[in-house]
Amino acid sequence: MVSRHVPELLKRQLMTEAGYRCAVPTCRGAAALEFEHIEEWCKVKEHRFEDMIVLCATCHARVTRKEISKGSIRTYKQNLAIISGRYSLYEMRALELFHSHLSQFASDSLPLLQLPRTDYLHVKGLEQDGLVKITQSSGSSVRINGLAVEPWLMQLTPNGKEFITSYFGGKELRS
């Protein structure tokens, strides 16, 4: 008989994939994380990485109540495969910030964030993938620990807007 207990190695792999947060893009909660079988345990009777995802207790309950469809959960799992290991937590936080402010901008303008030049390596992946454009600010430098640091500007690109709209909207990402 197969145990319902999820093996520890598989738990770690799933947690790493999800960044130790709920896999639902609009949630990303870090408390009370649980493991969900995308195909019901009673049908598959096995624990497979491809068929499991990390959810917070609230989102897990919403799946159980069918408020979040299994189709959406499958899409979130596919999207994790694209972003996991590709973008750092810093980059994901920047995308979350852009997403939270997107509604404040006209459809033809794109949000912009200021960051210290020293943080460039933290967002280089977003720039390389064409999701943001980094430029030097014309503003004066700021002092961090007594050192003058020139601020840079990070602007969301049209591709970046499409990416965050798809990701946070629970739509399938293009790899």
N, C-alpha and C. Protein backbone atom coordinates (compact mmCIF):
# COMPACT_ATOMS: atom_id res chain seq x y z
N MET A 1 0.84 -1.19 0.00
CA MET A 1 0.00 0.00 0.00
C MET A 1 0.89 1.26 0.00
N VAL A 2 0.53 2.23 -0.80
CA VAL A 2 1.28 3.47 -0.91
C VAL A 2 0.89 4.42 0.22
N SER A 3 1.89 5.03 0.81
CA SER A 3 1.65 5.94 1.92
C SER A 3 1.15 7.30 1.42
N ARG A 4 0.22 7.88 2.18
CA ARG A 4 -0.25 9.25 1.86
C ARG A 4 0.79 10.28 2.26
N HIS A 5 1.80 9.86 3.05
CA HIS A 5 2.85 10.77 3.52
C HIS A 5 3.75 11.17 2.35
N VAL A 6 3.89 12.47 2.11
CA VAL A 6 4.73 12.98 1.03
C VAL A 6 6.20 12.88 1.48
N PRO A 7 7.05 12.22 0.69
CA PRO A 7 8.46 12.09 1.06
C PRO A 7 9.13 13.46 1.25
N GLU A 8 10.03 13.53 2.22
CA GLU A 8 10.71 14.79 2.56
C GLU A 8 11.45 15.39 1.37
N LEU A 9 12.15 14.56 0.59
CA LEU A 9 12.88 15.08 -0.57
C LEU A 9 11.93 15.75 -1.56
N LEU A 10 10.79 15.14 -1.81
CA LEU A 10 9.80 15.71 -2.71
C LEU A 10 9.24 17.01 -2.15
N LYS A 11 9.01 17.06 -0.85
CA LYS A 11 8.54 18.30 -0.21
C LYS A 11 9.55 19.42 -0.45
N ARG A 12 10.83 19.13 -0.24
CA ARG A 12 11.86 20.16 -0.45
C ARG A 12 11.90 20.62 -1.90
N GLN A 13 11.79 19.68 -2.84
CA GLN A 13 11.80 20.04 -4.26
C GLN A 13 10.61 20.94 -4.61
N LEU A 14 9.45 20.60 -4.09
CA LEU A 14 8.25 21.41 -4.35
C LEU A 14 8.36 22.79 -3.72
N MET A 15 8.87 22.84 -2.50
CA MET A 15 9.04 24.14 -1.82
C MET A 15 10.05 25.01 -2.57
N THR A 16 11.13 24.41 -3.04
CA THR A 16 12.13 25.16 -3.80
C THR A 16 11.52 25.70 -5.09
N GLU A 17 10.77 24.87 -5.78
CA GLU A 17 10.12 25.30 -7.02
C GLU A 17 9.22 26.50 -6.78
N ALA A 18 8.47 26.48 -5.69
CA ALA A 18 7.51 27.55 -5.39
C ALA A 18 8.14 28.72 -4.63
N GLY A 19 9.44 28.63 -4.33
CA GLY A 19 10.09 29.71 -3.60
C GLY A 19 9.62 29.81 -2.16
N TYR A 20 9.21 28.68 -1.59
CA TYR A 20 8.71 28.62 -0.21
C TYR A 20 7.53 29.56 0.01
N ARG A 21 6.69 29.67 -1.04
CA ARG A 21 5.50 30.52 -0.98
C ARG A 21 4.38 29.80 -1.71
N CYS A 22 3.17 30.26 -1.51
CA CYS A 22 2.02 29.74 -2.23
C CYS A 22 2.22 29.97 -3.72
N ALA A 23 1.90 28.98 -4.53
CA ALA A 23 2.12 29.08 -5.98
C ALA A 23 1.08 29.93 -6.70
N VAL A 24 0.01 30.32 -6.02
CA VAL A 24 -1.00 31.17 -6.66
C VAL A 24 -0.41 32.57 -6.77
N PRO A 25 -0.22 33.08 -7.99
CA PRO A 25 0.49 34.35 -8.19
C PRO A 25 -0.10 35.55 -7.46
N THR A 26 -1.39 35.58 -7.30
CA THR A 26 -2.00 36.73 -6.61
C THR A 26 -1.99 36.56 -5.10
N CYS A 27 -1.51 35.44 -4.62
CA CYS A 27 -1.44 35.20 -3.18
C CYS A 27 0.02 35.27 -2.72
N ARG A 28 0.81 34.28 -3.09
CA ARG A 28 2.23 34.16 -2.72
C ARG A 28 2.46 34.21 -1.21
N GLY A 29 1.45 33.79 -0.44
CA GLY A 29 1.57 33.73 1.01
C GLY A 29 2.66 32.75 1.42
N ALA A 30 3.26 33.00 2.58
CA ALA A 30 4.35 32.14 3.05
C ALA A 30 3.99 31.36 4.30
N ALA A 31 2.78 31.54 4.81
CA ALA A 31 2.38 30.86 6.05
C ALA A 31 1.48 29.67 5.75
N ALA A 32 1.54 28.67 6.60
CA ALA A 32 0.68 27.49 6.54
C ALA A 32 0.67 26.85 5.15
N LEU A 33 1.86 26.50 4.65
CA LEU A 33 1.98 25.92 3.32
C LEU A 33 1.63 24.43 3.34
N GLU A 34 0.94 24.00 2.29
CA GLU A 34 0.48 22.61 2.18
C GLU A 34 0.80 22.11 0.78
N PHE A 35 0.70 20.80 0.59
CA PHE A 35 1.00 20.18 -0.70
C PHE A 35 -0.29 19.66 -1.32
N GLU A 36 -0.52 20.07 -2.55
CA GLU A 36 -1.76 19.72 -3.26
C GLU A 36 -1.41 18.78 -4.41
N HIS A 37 -2.18 17.72 -4.55
CA HIS A 37 -2.09 16.85 -5.72
C HIS A 37 -2.98 17.48 -6.80
N ILE A 38 -2.42 17.70 -7.96
CA ILE A 38 -3.21 18.30 -9.04
C ILE A 38 -4.24 17.28 -9.52
N GLU A 39 -3.81 16.05 -9.74
CA GLU A 39 -4.76 14.95 -9.95
C GLU A 39 -5.04 14.38 -8.57
N GLU A 40 -6.28 14.17 -8.24
CA GLU A 40 -6.67 13.75 -6.89
C GLU A 40 -5.92 12.50 -6.44
N TRP A 41 -5.47 12.52 -5.18
CA TRP A 41 -4.75 11.41 -4.57
C TRP A 41 -5.54 10.10 -4.72
N CYS A 42 -6.83 10.16 -4.54
CA CYS A 42 -7.65 8.94 -4.60
C CYS A 42 -7.60 8.29 -5.99
N LYS A 43 -7.27 9.07 -7.02
CA LYS A 43 -7.17 8.53 -8.38
C LYS A 43 -5.77 8.02 -8.69
N VAL A 44 -4.74 8.79 -8.31
CA VAL A 44 -3.37 8.46 -8.72
C VAL A 44 -2.61 7.62 -7.70
N LYS A 45 -2.93 7.78 -6.43
CA LYS A 45 -2.29 7.04 -5.34
C LYS A 45 -0.76 7.05 -5.43
N GLU A 46 -0.19 8.20 -5.83
CA GLU A 46 1.26 8.36 -5.84
C GLU A 46 1.61 9.84 -5.72
N HIS A 47 2.82 10.07 -5.28
CA HIS A 47 3.33 11.43 -5.12
C HIS A 47 4.37 11.67 -6.22
N ARG A 48 4.01 12.50 -7.19
CA ARG A 48 4.94 12.82 -8.28
C ARG A 48 5.12 14.33 -8.34
N PHE A 49 6.36 14.76 -8.54
CA PHE A 49 6.69 16.17 -8.61
C PHE A 49 5.81 16.88 -9.64
N GLU A 50 5.63 16.26 -10.80
CA GLU A 50 4.87 16.87 -11.90
C GLU A 50 3.40 17.06 -11.56
N ASP A 51 2.92 16.35 -10.54
CA ASP A 51 1.50 16.34 -10.22
C ASP A 51 1.20 17.00 -8.87
N MET A 52 2.18 17.74 -8.33
CA MET A 52 1.97 18.36 -7.02
C MET A 52 2.41 19.81 -7.06
N ILE A 53 1.84 20.59 -6.14
CA ILE A 53 2.13 22.02 -6.07
C ILE A 53 1.99 22.47 -4.61
N VAL A 54 2.67 23.55 -4.26
CA VAL A 54 2.59 24.11 -2.91
C VAL A 54 1.55 25.23 -2.90
N LEU A 55 0.64 25.15 -1.92
CA LEU A 55 -0.38 26.18 -1.74
C LEU A 55 -0.47 26.53 -0.26
N CYS A 56 -0.86 27.76 0.03
CA CYS A 56 -1.14 28.12 1.42
C CYS A 56 -2.45 27.44 1.81
N ALA A 57 -2.71 27.37 3.10
CA ALA A 57 -3.93 26.69 3.57
C ALA A 57 -5.19 27.32 2.99
N THR A 58 -5.20 28.63 2.84
CA THR A 58 -6.38 29.31 2.30
C THR A 58 -6.62 28.92 0.84
N CYS A 59 -5.57 29.00 0.02
CA CYS A 59 -5.73 28.64 -1.40
C CYS A 59 -6.02 27.15 -1.55
N HIS A 60 -5.41 26.32 -0.70
CA HIS A 60 -5.69 24.89 -0.75
C HIS A 60 -7.17 24.63 -0.48
N ALA A 61 -7.71 25.32 0.51
CA ALA A 61 -9.15 25.18 0.82
C ALA A 61 -9.99 25.67 -0.35
N ARG A 62 -9.56 26.73 -1.00
CA ARG A 62 -10.31 27.26 -2.15
C ARG A 62 -10.31 26.25 -3.30
N VAL A 63 -9.21 25.52 -3.48
CA VAL A 63 -9.18 24.47 -4.51
C VAL A 63 -10.16 23.36 -4.13
N THR A 64 -10.13 22.96 -2.86
CA THR A 64 -11.03 21.91 -2.38
C THR A 64 -12.49 22.31 -2.59
N ARG A 65 -12.81 23.59 -2.36
CA ARG A 65 -14.19 24.08 -2.55
C ARG A 65 -14.49 24.41 -4.02
N LYS A 66 -13.49 24.18 -4.89
CA LYS A 66 -13.61 24.42 -6.33
C LYS A 66 -13.76 25.90 -6.68
N GLU A 67 -13.30 26.78 -5.80
CA GLU A 67 -13.26 28.22 -6.10
C GLU A 67 -12.07 28.53 -7.01
N ILE A 68 -11.03 27.69 -6.92
CA ILE A 68 -9.89 27.75 -7.84
C ILE A 68 -9.91 26.42 -8.58
N SER A 69 -9.96 26.49 -9.89
CA SER A 69 -10.09 25.26 -10.68
C SER A 69 -8.77 24.49 -10.76
N LYS A 70 -8.88 23.21 -11.00
CA LYS A 70 -7.69 22.38 -11.22
C LYS A 70 -6.95 22.83 -12.48
N GLY A 71 -7.70 23.35 -13.45
CA GLY A 71 -7.06 23.89 -14.66
C GLY A 71 -6.16 25.06 -14.32
N SER A 72 -6.62 25.94 -13.44
CA SER A 72 -5.79 27.06 -13.00
C SER A 72 -4.56 26.56 -12.26
N ILE A 73 -4.74 25.55 -11.41
CA ILE A 73 -3.62 25.00 -10.66
C ILE A 73 -2.59 24.39 -11.63
N ARG A 74 -3.05 23.73 -12.67
CA ARG A 74 -2.12 23.18 -13.68
C ARG A 74 -1.34 24.32 -14.36
N THR A 75 -2.02 25.41 -14.66
CA THR A 75 -1.35 26.57 -15.28
C THR A 75 -0.32 27.15 -14.33
N TYR A 76 -0.66 27.28 -13.04
CA TYR A 76 0.30 27.80 -12.06
C TYR A 76 1.53 26.90 -12.00
N LYS A 77 1.32 25.60 -12.06
CA LYS A 77 2.44 24.64 -12.03
C LYS A 77 3.31 24.82 -13.27
N GLN A 78 2.70 24.95 -14.44
CA GLN A 78 3.46 25.16 -15.68
C GLN A 78 4.25 26.47 -15.60
N ASN A 79 3.63 27.52 -15.07
CA ASN A 79 4.31 28.81 -14.96
C ASN A 79 5.48 28.74 -13.98
N LEU A 80 5.33 27.97 -12.90
CA LEU A 80 6.44 27.81 -11.96
C LEU A 80 7.63 27.17 -12.66
N ALA A 81 7.38 26.24 -13.56
CA ALA A 81 8.47 25.60 -14.29
C ALA A 81 9.24 26.61 -15.14
N ILE A 82 8.55 27.66 -15.60
CA ILE A 82 9.21 28.69 -16.41
C ILE A 82 9.97 29.68 -15.53
N ILE A 83 9.36 30.14 -14.44
CA ILE A 83 10.00 31.18 -13.65
C ILE A 83 10.93 30.66 -12.57
N SER A 84 10.72 29.42 -12.10
CA SER A 84 11.52 28.87 -11.02
C SER A 84 12.97 28.72 -11.48
N GLY A 85 13.85 29.33 -10.76
CA GLY A 85 15.27 29.27 -11.11
C GLY A 85 15.67 30.29 -12.16
N ARG A 86 14.69 30.91 -12.78
CA ARG A 86 14.98 31.89 -13.83
C ARG A 86 15.07 33.30 -13.25
N TYR A 87 14.15 33.61 -12.32
CA TYR A 87 14.13 34.94 -11.71
C TYR A 87 14.36 34.82 -10.22
N SER A 88 15.13 35.75 -9.71
CA SER A 88 15.42 35.78 -8.28
C SER A 88 14.20 36.29 -7.51
N LEU A 89 14.25 36.13 -6.20
CA LEU A 89 13.18 36.66 -5.36
C LEU A 89 13.10 38.18 -5.54
N TYR A 90 14.24 38.84 -5.65
CA TYR A 90 14.29 40.30 -5.86
C TYR A 90 13.53 40.65 -7.15
N GLU A 91 13.80 39.89 -8.22
CA GLU A 91 13.13 40.16 -9.49
C GLU A 91 11.62 39.91 -9.39
N MET A 92 11.25 38.85 -8.71
CA MET A 92 9.82 38.56 -8.55
C MET A 92 9.13 39.65 -7.73
N ARG A 93 9.82 40.16 -6.72
CA ARG A 93 9.26 41.25 -5.92
C ARG A 93 9.09 42.51 -6.78
N ALA A 94 10.05 42.78 -7.65
CA ALA A 94 9.94 43.93 -8.55
C ALA A 94 8.73 43.76 -9.47
N LEU A 95 8.54 42.56 -10.01
CA LEU A 95 7.38 42.31 -10.87
C LEU A 95 6.07 42.46 -10.09
N GLU A 96 6.06 41.99 -8.83
CA GLU A 96 4.87 42.17 -7.99
C GLU A 96 4.57 43.65 -7.78
N LEU A 97 5.62 44.43 -7.56
CA LEU A 97 5.45 45.87 -7.35
C LEU A 97 4.92 46.54 -8.62
N PHE A 98 5.50 46.18 -9.77
CA PHE A 98 4.98 46.71 -11.04
C PHE A 98 3.51 46.34 -11.20
N HIS A 99 3.18 45.09 -10.93
CA HIS A 99 1.80 44.63 -11.09
C HIS A 99 0.85 45.41 -10.18
N SER A 100 1.27 45.65 -8.95
CA SER A 100 0.38 46.35 -8.01
C SER A 100 0.13 47.79 -8.41
N HIS A 101 1.02 48.37 -9.21
CA HIS A 101 0.86 49.77 -9.63
C HIS A 101 0.38 49.92 -11.08
N LEU A 102 0.26 48.81 -11.78
CA LEU A 102 -0.09 48.85 -13.20
C LEU A 102 -1.41 49.56 -13.46
N SER A 103 -2.39 49.36 -12.61
CA SER A 103 -3.71 49.96 -12.83
C SER A 103 -3.70 51.48 -12.70
N GLN A 104 -2.65 52.04 -12.10
CA GLN A 104 -2.56 53.49 -11.91
C GLN A 104 -2.05 54.21 -13.16
N PHE A 105 -1.65 53.45 -14.18
CA PHE A 105 -1.07 54.04 -15.37
C PHE A 105 -2.01 53.92 -16.55
N ALA A 106 -1.94 54.90 -17.42
CA ALA A 106 -2.72 54.85 -18.65
C ALA A 106 -2.22 53.67 -19.48
N SER A 107 -3.04 53.17 -20.37
CA SER A 107 -2.68 51.98 -21.14
C SER A 107 -1.43 52.18 -21.98
N ASP A 108 -1.12 53.43 -22.36
CA ASP A 108 0.06 53.67 -23.19
C ASP A 108 1.30 54.05 -22.39
N SER A 109 1.21 54.13 -21.06
CA SER A 109 2.39 54.44 -20.26
C SER A 109 2.71 53.24 -19.35
N LEU A 110 3.98 53.13 -19.00
CA LEU A 110 4.42 51.98 -18.22
C LEU A 110 5.11 52.45 -16.95
N PRO A 111 4.89 51.71 -15.85
CA PRO A 111 5.49 52.12 -14.57
C PRO A 111 7.00 52.03 -14.57
N LEU A 112 7.57 52.75 -13.61
CA LEU A 112 9.01 52.85 -13.51
C LEU A 112 9.39 52.84 -12.04
N LEU A 113 10.50 52.18 -11.73
CA LEU A 113 11.02 52.11 -10.37
C LEU A 113 12.44 52.67 -10.34
N GLN A 114 12.81 53.25 -9.23
CA GLN A 114 14.18 53.72 -9.07
C GLN A 114 14.92 52.71 -8.20
N LEU A 115 16.15 52.39 -8.58
CA LEU A 115 16.93 51.46 -7.79
C LEU A 115 18.39 51.91 -7.79
N PRO A 116 19.12 51.55 -6.74
CA PRO A 116 20.54 51.91 -6.72
C PRO A 116 21.29 51.15 -7.82
N ARG A 117 22.26 51.78 -8.40
CA ARG A 117 23.07 51.15 -9.45
C ARG A 117 23.63 49.82 -8.96
N THR A 118 23.94 49.74 -7.68
CA THR A 118 24.53 48.53 -7.12
C THR A 118 23.57 47.34 -7.14
N ASP A 119 22.29 47.58 -7.37
CA ASP A 119 21.32 46.49 -7.40
C ASP A 119 21.10 45.93 -8.80
N TYR A 120 21.85 46.41 -9.77
CA TYR A 120 21.67 45.99 -11.15
C TYR A 120 21.73 44.46 -11.31
N LEU A 121 22.70 43.83 -10.67
CA LEU A 121 22.83 42.38 -10.82
C LEU A 121 21.60 41.63 -10.33
N HIS A 122 20.86 42.23 -9.43
CA HIS A 122 19.65 41.60 -8.91
C HIS A 122 18.51 41.58 -9.93
N VAL A 123 18.55 42.46 -10.92
CA VAL A 123 17.46 42.55 -11.90
C VAL A 123 17.93 42.32 -13.33
N LYS A 124 19.16 41.90 -13.47
CA LYS A 124 19.75 41.69 -14.80
C LYS A 124 18.94 40.70 -15.64
N GLY A 125 18.39 39.65 -15.00
CA GLY A 125 17.60 38.66 -15.73
C GLY A 125 16.36 39.26 -16.36
N LEU A 126 15.70 40.18 -15.64
CA LEU A 126 14.52 40.84 -16.19
C LEU A 126 14.89 41.67 -17.42
N GLU A 127 16.05 42.33 -17.34
CA GLU A 127 16.49 43.15 -18.49
C GLU A 127 16.87 42.25 -19.66
N GLN A 128 17.59 41.18 -19.39
CA GLN A 128 18.01 40.28 -20.47
C GLN A 128 16.81 39.66 -21.19
N ASP A 129 15.74 39.40 -20.45
CA ASP A 129 14.53 38.82 -21.05
C ASP A 129 13.62 39.88 -21.67
N GLY A 130 14.02 41.15 -21.61
CA GLY A 130 13.25 42.22 -22.23
C GLY A 130 12.00 42.63 -21.47
N LEU A 131 11.93 42.28 -20.17
CA LEU A 131 10.76 42.64 -19.38
C LEU A 131 10.87 44.04 -18.80
N VAL A 132 12.11 44.50 -18.61
CA VAL A 132 12.35 45.86 -18.12
C VAL A 132 13.48 46.49 -18.92
N LYS A 133 13.54 47.80 -18.86
CA LYS A 133 14.64 48.55 -19.47
C LYS A 133 15.29 49.35 -18.34
N ILE A 134 16.61 49.25 -18.23
CA ILE A 134 17.36 49.95 -17.18
C ILE A 134 18.10 51.13 -17.81
N THR A 135 17.92 52.31 -17.22
CA THR A 135 18.63 53.50 -17.69
C THR A 135 19.17 54.26 -16.49
N GLN A 136 20.18 55.08 -16.76
CA GLN A 136 20.71 55.93 -15.69
C GLN A 136 19.74 57.06 -15.43
N SER A 137 19.60 57.39 -14.16
CA SER A 137 18.72 58.49 -13.78
C SER A 137 19.48 59.80 -13.96
N SER A 138 18.74 60.84 -14.32
CA SER A 138 19.37 62.15 -14.41
C SER A 138 19.41 62.83 -13.04
N GLY A 139 18.85 62.14 -12.04
CA GLY A 139 18.81 62.69 -10.69
C GLY A 139 20.18 62.62 -10.01
N SER A 140 20.27 63.25 -8.88
CA SER A 140 21.53 63.25 -8.15
C SER A 140 21.72 61.93 -7.42
N SER A 141 22.95 61.66 -7.04
CA SER A 141 23.24 60.41 -6.34
C SER A 141 22.72 60.47 -4.91
N VAL A 142 22.53 59.30 -4.36
CA VAL A 142 22.11 59.17 -2.96
C VAL A 142 23.27 58.54 -2.19
N ARG A 143 23.27 58.73 -0.88
CA ARG A 143 24.33 58.15 -0.06
C ARG A 143 23.81 56.92 0.66
N ILE A 144 24.53 55.82 0.48
CA ILE A 144 24.22 54.58 1.17
C ILE A 144 25.49 54.17 1.92
N ASN A 145 25.40 54.14 3.24
CA ASN A 145 26.56 53.85 4.08
C ASN A 145 27.73 54.78 3.77
N GLY A 146 27.42 56.03 3.49
CA GLY A 146 28.45 57.03 3.24
C GLY A 146 28.98 57.06 1.83
N LEU A 147 28.56 56.13 0.99
CA LEU A 147 29.03 56.08 -0.39
C LEU A 147 27.98 56.66 -1.32
N ALA A 148 28.44 57.47 -2.30
CA ALA A 148 27.52 58.03 -3.28
C ALA A 148 27.13 56.93 -4.27
N VAL A 149 25.84 56.74 -4.44
CA VAL A 149 25.33 55.72 -5.37
C VAL A 149 24.36 56.40 -6.32
N GLU A 150 24.65 56.23 -7.61
CA GLU A 150 23.77 56.82 -8.62
C GLU A 150 22.50 55.98 -8.76
N PRO A 151 21.35 56.61 -8.70
CA PRO A 151 20.12 55.83 -8.91
C PRO A 151 19.94 55.49 -10.39
N TRP A 152 19.42 54.33 -10.65
CA TRP A 152 19.06 53.92 -11.99
C TRP A 152 17.55 53.77 -12.04
N LEU A 153 17.01 53.83 -13.23
CA LEU A 153 15.58 53.68 -13.43
C LEU A 153 15.30 52.35 -14.11
N MET A 154 14.32 51.65 -13.62
CA MET A 154 13.91 50.38 -14.21
C MET A 154 12.47 50.57 -14.67
N GLN A 155 12.28 50.52 -15.99
CA GLN A 155 10.94 50.71 -16.54
C GLN A 155 10.43 49.41 -17.13
N LEU A 156 9.19 49.12 -16.84
CA LEU A 156 8.53 47.95 -17.41
C LEU A 156 8.41 48.17 -18.92
N THR A 157 8.68 47.15 -19.69
CA THR A 157 8.53 47.23 -21.15
C THR A 157 7.15 46.67 -21.53
N PRO A 158 6.74 46.88 -22.78
CA PRO A 158 5.47 46.25 -23.21
C PRO A 158 5.49 44.73 -23.02
N ASN A 159 6.64 44.09 -23.31
CA ASN A 159 6.75 42.64 -23.07
C ASN A 159 6.61 42.33 -21.59
N GLY A 160 7.18 43.18 -20.74
CA GLY A 160 7.06 43.01 -19.30
C GLY A 160 5.62 43.14 -18.83
N LYS A 161 4.92 44.11 -19.40
CA LYS A 161 3.51 44.31 -19.05
C LYS A 161 2.70 43.08 -19.44
N GLU A 162 2.94 42.55 -20.62
CA GLU A 162 2.24 41.34 -21.07
C GLU A 162 2.57 40.16 -20.15
N PHE A 163 3.84 40.06 -19.76
CA PHE A 163 4.27 38.97 -18.88
C PHE A 163 3.55 39.03 -17.53
N ILE A 164 3.58 40.20 -16.87
CA ILE A 164 2.96 40.27 -15.54
C ILE A 164 1.44 40.17 -15.62
N THR A 165 0.85 40.68 -16.70
CA THR A 165 -0.59 40.55 -16.86
C THR A 165 -0.97 39.07 -17.00
N SER A 166 -0.18 38.32 -17.76
CA SER A 166 -0.43 36.88 -17.91
C SER A 166 -0.16 36.13 -16.62
N TYR A 167 1.01 36.38 -16.02
CA TYR A 167 1.41 35.64 -14.82
C TYR A 167 0.44 35.88 -13.66
N PHE A 168 0.19 37.14 -13.34
CA PHE A 168 -0.69 37.44 -12.22
C PHE A 168 -2.16 37.19 -12.55
N GLY A 169 -2.47 37.09 -13.84
CA GLY A 169 -3.83 36.76 -14.26
C GLY A 169 -4.06 35.26 -14.35
N GLY A 170 -3.02 34.47 -14.03
CA GLY A 170 -3.16 33.02 -14.05
C GLY A 170 -3.23 32.42 -15.43
N LYS A 171 -2.69 33.15 -16.42
CA LYS A 171 -2.68 32.62 -17.78
C LYS A 171 -1.35 31.94 -18.05
N GLU A 172 -1.34 31.05 -19.01
CA GLU A 172 -0.13 30.30 -19.34
C GLU A 172 0.93 31.24 -19.91
N LEU A 173 2.16 31.11 -19.40
CA LEU A 173 3.28 31.90 -19.88
C LEU A 173 3.92 31.22 -21.08
N ARG A 174 4.49 32.05 -21.95
CA ARG A 174 5.28 31.50 -23.05
C ARG A 174 6.71 31.40 -22.56
N SER A 175 7.34 30.27 -22.80
CA SER A 175 8.73 30.09 -22.32
C SER A 175 9.73 30.76 -23.23
